[in-house]
């Protein structure tokens, strides 16, 4: 049976035998710490401010989102699509639009329970990171708003002018790529999987590779598929809040 939660903001405790290992708390972002999908919401926002054609963009955005939920997303094709409006507008306009996006969409959506959970891990002395399949342009300000300095996101290739090209740089932090990127991040911290005691919070079956690699997988606001799997495997289930669209 899944572990009962005395409080949503109470982190799971590492077993005494793991005391010599460094506690690490990893969080997926969309529908885990946020009650929405930040990448999808950014696309809707760019349409609202007139950057994209509402009909054509919504059709393609909805199709990519359905592919993600079904576990068949072509992440490279999606990132080219999702960053197109930003690439065309340039860095200054993009930064101004993202500030509005944070104020209008993201900040009102951040729930106290999510802030409290992150803060509880930080107060315990855990090393904390957000691990997301959404690109760094969209997510870095969100991570900062949640008080998380370390962000493992889809990194964007930059051209000779320093601006994004629409391609992904390195391994995308998606599905199995999250395990690879977390391993690289641990190494940069002077750690490895054997010397870290990793707790990972996620809502999605797309994150099954990292959930299975973590010492403490926490199915957080899980969809039906992950909820059922968590019950079968005895993983902790945490309903931090009711998700939005």
Protein backbone atom coordinates (compact mmCIF):
# COMPACT_ATOMS: atom_id res chain seq x y z
CA UNK A 1 0.00 0.00 0.00
CA UNK A 2 1.19 3.59 -0.62
CA UNK A 3 2.50 5.47 2.36
CA UNK A 4 0.09 7.78 4.14
CA UNK A 5 0.99 11.47 4.24
CA UNK A 6 0.62 13.27 7.58
CA UNK A 7 0.98 16.53 5.68
CA UNK A 8 1.57 17.37 2.01
CA UNK A 9 4.56 19.49 3.01
CA UNK A 10 6.24 16.73 5.04
CA UNK A 11 9.11 15.21 3.03
CA UNK A 12 9.62 11.44 3.22
CA UNK A 13 12.35 10.49 5.66
CA UNK A 14 15.39 8.58 4.43
CA UNK A 15 15.98 5.28 6.26
CA UNK A 16 18.63 5.41 8.98
CA UNK A 17 20.86 3.14 6.91
CA UNK A 18 20.94 5.82 4.23
CA UNK A 19 22.26 8.45 6.64
CA UNK A 20 25.69 8.58 5.01
CA UNK A 21 24.17 9.41 1.62
CA UNK A 22 23.39 12.97 0.60
CA UNK A 23 19.62 13.66 0.47
CA UNK A 24 18.46 15.00 -2.88
CA UNK A 25 14.92 16.13 -3.71
CA UNK A 26 13.94 16.30 -7.38
CA UNK A 27 10.68 17.76 -8.62
CA UNK A 28 8.95 17.55 -11.96
CA UNK A 29 7.30 20.90 -12.67
CA UNK A 30 4.11 20.73 -14.72
CA UNK A 31 1.13 19.24 -12.85
CA UNK A 32 3.55 18.42 -10.02
CA UNK A 33 4.65 21.71 -8.47
CA UNK A 34 2.32 23.63 -10.78
CA UNK A 35 -1.36 22.79 -11.28
CA UNK A 36 -0.94 23.43 -15.02
CA UNK A 37 1.40 22.71 -17.93
CA UNK A 38 3.71 25.72 -18.23
CA UNK A 39 4.74 24.98 -21.82
CA UNK A 40 1.14 24.64 -22.97
CA UNK A 41 0.14 27.73 -20.99
CA UNK A 42 2.97 29.73 -22.56
CA UNK A 43 1.67 28.76 -26.01
CA UNK A 44 -1.83 29.91 -25.09
CA UNK A 45 -0.37 33.15 -23.73
CA UNK A 46 1.54 33.91 -26.94
CA UNK A 47 -1.70 33.57 -28.86
CA UNK A 48 -3.42 35.89 -26.41
CA UNK A 49 -0.84 38.62 -26.98
CA UNK A 50 -1.07 38.25 -30.75
CA UNK A 51 2.15 36.41 -31.48
CA UNK A 52 0.54 33.36 -33.10
CA UNK A 53 -2.50 32.57 -35.19
CA UNK A 54 -5.12 31.32 -32.71
CA UNK A 55 -6.60 28.58 -34.87
CA UNK A 56 -3.43 27.16 -36.43
CA UNK A 57 -1.40 27.38 -33.23
CA UNK A 58 -4.10 25.86 -31.03
CA UNK A 59 -4.52 22.93 -33.41
CA UNK A 60 -0.80 22.09 -33.40
CA UNK A 61 -0.35 22.82 -29.70
CA UNK A 62 -3.26 20.57 -28.76
CA UNK A 63 -1.88 17.78 -30.97
CA UNK A 64 1.55 17.95 -29.34
CA UNK A 65 -0.03 18.02 -25.88
CA UNK A 66 -2.06 14.91 -26.70
CA UNK A 67 1.12 13.20 -27.91
CA UNK A 68 2.84 14.08 -24.64
CA UNK A 69 -0.01 12.68 -22.56
CA UNK A 70 0.03 9.52 -24.68
CA UNK A 71 3.80 9.11 -24.28
CA UNK A 72 4.66 9.55 -27.98
CA UNK A 73 5.89 13.15 -28.12
CA UNK A 74 8.65 14.02 -30.61
CA UNK A 75 10.41 16.43 -28.26
CA UNK A 76 12.66 17.91 -30.96
CA UNK A 77 9.72 18.73 -33.23
CA UNK A 78 7.81 20.15 -30.31
CA UNK A 79 10.62 22.45 -29.16
CA UNK A 80 11.03 23.81 -32.70
CA UNK A 81 7.33 24.56 -32.74
CA UNK A 82 7.11 25.90 -29.18
CA UNK A 83 10.03 28.33 -29.56
CA UNK A 84 9.14 29.67 -33.02
CA UNK A 85 7.33 32.81 -31.83
CA UNK A 86 10.12 33.58 -29.35
CA UNK A 87 12.82 33.15 -32.00
CA UNK A 88 11.05 35.53 -34.36
CA UNK A 89 10.40 38.23 -31.76
CA UNK A 90 13.91 38.31 -30.34
CA UNK A 91 15.35 38.39 -26.81
CA UNK A 92 14.06 41.77 -25.60
CA UNK A 93 10.45 41.20 -26.61
CA UNK A 94 10.64 37.63 -25.36
CA UNK A 95 11.85 38.71 -21.92
CA UNK A 96 9.12 41.34 -21.63
CA UNK A 97 6.44 38.84 -22.66
CA UNK A 98 7.71 36.24 -20.20
CA UNK A 99 7.56 38.76 -17.35
CA UNK A 100 3.89 39.32 -18.20
CA UNK A 101 3.36 35.56 -18.41
CA UNK A 102 4.80 35.14 -14.92
CA UNK A 103 2.62 37.91 -13.49
CA UNK A 104 -0.60 36.96 -15.28
CA UNK A 105 -0.44 33.14 -15.41
CA UNK A 106 2.26 31.52 -13.29
CA UNK A 107 2.41 33.50 -10.05
CA UNK A 108 -1.37 33.23 -9.46
CA UNK A 109 -1.16 29.47 -10.09
CA UNK A 110 1.62 28.68 -7.59
CA UNK A 111 -0.02 27.07 -4.58
CA UNK A 112 1.16 27.43 -0.96
CA UNK A 113 1.36 23.63 -0.66
CA UNK A 114 3.94 23.49 -3.45
CA UNK A 115 6.03 26.26 -1.91
CA UNK A 116 5.82 24.55 1.48
CA UNK A 117 6.95 21.19 0.13
CA UNK A 118 10.02 22.68 -1.56
CA UNK A 119 10.77 24.79 1.51
CA UNK A 120 10.54 21.74 3.79
CA UNK A 121 13.17 19.89 1.76
CA UNK A 122 15.42 22.94 1.72
CA UNK A 123 15.02 23.40 5.49
CA UNK A 124 16.01 19.77 6.00
CA UNK A 125 19.23 20.45 4.11
CA UNK A 126 18.39 18.47 0.99
CA UNK A 127 19.86 19.41 -2.35
CA UNK A 128 16.89 20.47 -4.45
CA UNK A 129 16.38 20.61 -8.22
CA UNK A 130 13.54 20.88 -10.69
CA UNK A 131 13.74 18.34 -13.54
CA UNK A 132 11.42 19.21 -16.40
CA UNK A 133 10.87 18.38 -20.06
CA UNK A 134 9.85 21.99 -20.67
CA UNK A 135 12.54 24.24 -22.12
CA UNK A 136 14.78 26.51 -20.08
CA UNK A 137 13.35 29.76 -21.50
CA UNK A 138 9.91 29.00 -20.12
CA UNK A 139 10.96 27.38 -16.86
CA UNK A 140 13.96 29.22 -15.42
CA UNK A 141 11.91 32.15 -14.05
CA UNK A 142 9.37 29.65 -12.69
CA UNK A 143 12.07 27.73 -10.82
CA UNK A 144 13.32 31.01 -9.37
CA UNK A 145 9.80 31.91 -8.26
CA UNK A 146 9.59 28.57 -6.45
CA UNK A 147 12.91 29.21 -4.71
CA UNK A 148 14.81 26.51 -6.61
CA UNK A 149 18.19 27.47 -8.02
CA UNK A 150 19.05 24.18 -9.75
CA UNK A 151 17.05 23.65 -12.95
CA UNK A 152 17.44 20.62 -15.22
CA UNK A 153 15.38 21.56 -18.27
CA UNK A 154 15.52 21.15 -22.03
CA UNK A 155 18.49 23.31 -23.01
CA UNK A 156 18.21 25.39 -26.15
CA UNK A 157 20.90 25.65 -28.81
CA UNK A 158 22.06 29.19 -29.52
CA UNK A 159 23.39 30.59 -32.76
CA UNK A 160 26.34 32.92 -33.40
CA UNK A 161 24.19 35.87 -32.33
CA UNK A 162 23.56 34.24 -28.94
CA UNK A 163 19.84 33.78 -29.58
CA UNK A 164 17.98 30.46 -29.65
CA UNK A 165 17.80 28.51 -32.91
CA UNK A 166 14.88 26.20 -32.14
CA UNK A 167 17.10 23.13 -31.74
CA UNK A 168 17.85 21.30 -28.50
CA UNK A 169 21.37 21.40 -27.06
CA UNK A 170 22.56 18.11 -25.62
CA UNK A 171 20.31 15.43 -24.16
CA UNK A 172 16.71 16.57 -23.67
CA UNK A 173 15.43 16.10 -20.12
CA UNK A 174 12.55 13.94 -21.29
CA UNK A 175 11.75 10.34 -20.34
CA UNK A 176 15.06 8.39 -20.17
CA UNK A 177 16.89 11.65 -20.79
CA UNK A 178 15.91 12.82 -17.31
CA UNK A 179 17.94 9.99 -15.79
CA UNK A 180 20.95 10.94 -17.92
CA UNK A 181 20.69 14.64 -17.11
CA UNK A 182 20.23 14.02 -13.38
CA UNK A 183 23.28 11.76 -13.43
CA UNK A 184 25.29 14.56 -15.04
CA UNK A 185 23.97 17.04 -12.46
CA UNK A 186 24.88 14.73 -9.58
CA UNK A 187 28.39 14.39 -10.98
CA UNK A 188 28.70 18.18 -11.10
CA UNK A 189 27.72 18.17 -7.41
CA UNK A 190 30.51 15.71 -6.63
CA UNK A 191 27.97 12.89 -6.22
CA UNK A 192 26.69 9.84 -8.04
CA UNK A 193 23.64 7.62 -7.71
CA UNK A 194 25.30 5.53 -5.00
CA UNK A 195 26.20 8.53 -2.84
CA UNK A 196 22.86 10.32 -3.17
CA UNK A 197 19.54 9.37 -1.62
CA UNK A 198 17.10 10.63 -4.24
CA UNK A 199 13.44 11.49 -3.75
CA UNK A 200 11.58 12.31 -6.96
CA UNK A 201 8.12 13.84 -7.25
CA UNK A 202 6.21 13.49 -10.53
CA UNK A 203 2.68 13.27 -11.86
CA UNK A 204 3.42 11.48 -15.13
CA UNK A 205 4.14 8.04 -16.52
CA UNK A 206 6.52 9.80 -18.90
CA UNK A 207 8.79 10.09 -15.86
CA UNK A 208 8.74 6.38 -15.09
CA UNK A 209 12.47 5.94 -15.87
CA UNK A 210 13.46 8.48 -13.21
CA UNK A 211 10.78 7.34 -10.77
CA UNK A 212 12.20 3.82 -11.00
CA UNK A 213 15.77 5.12 -10.56
CA UNK A 214 14.94 7.20 -7.48
CA UNK A 215 15.26 5.78 -3.98
CA UNK A 216 11.91 7.31 -3.03
CA UNK A 217 9.49 7.75 -5.95
CA UNK A 218 6.51 9.95 -5.08
CA UNK A 219 3.53 9.90 -7.45
CA UNK A 220 2.37 13.50 -7.08
CA UNK A 221 -1.08 14.54 -8.34
CA UNK A 222 -0.77 11.42 -10.52
CA UNK A 223 -2.86 10.57 -13.52
CA UNK A 224 -4.86 7.37 -13.44
CA UNK A 225 -2.09 5.26 -14.96
CA UNK A 226 0.62 6.38 -12.55
CA UNK A 227 -1.74 6.24 -9.58
CA UNK A 228 -2.56 2.62 -10.33
CA UNK A 229 1.10 1.74 -10.80
CA UNK A 230 2.07 3.51 -7.57
CA UNK A 231 -0.53 1.51 -5.67
CA UNK A 232 0.76 -1.74 -7.17
CA UNK A 233 4.36 -0.93 -6.26
CA UNK A 234 3.70 0.61 -2.86
CA UNK A 235 5.02 4.02 -3.84
CA UNK A 236 4.03 7.09 -1.89
CA UNK A 237 1.09 8.97 -3.43
CA UNK A 238 0.84 12.70 -2.76
CA UNK A 239 -2.16 14.76 -3.85
CA UNK A 240 -0.68 18.20 -3.43
CA UNK A 241 -3.61 19.94 -5.10
CA UNK A 242 -6.26 19.41 -7.73
CA UNK A 243 -4.72 19.98 -11.17
CA UNK A 244 -6.04 22.54 -13.63
CA UNK A 245 -5.84 22.32 -17.43
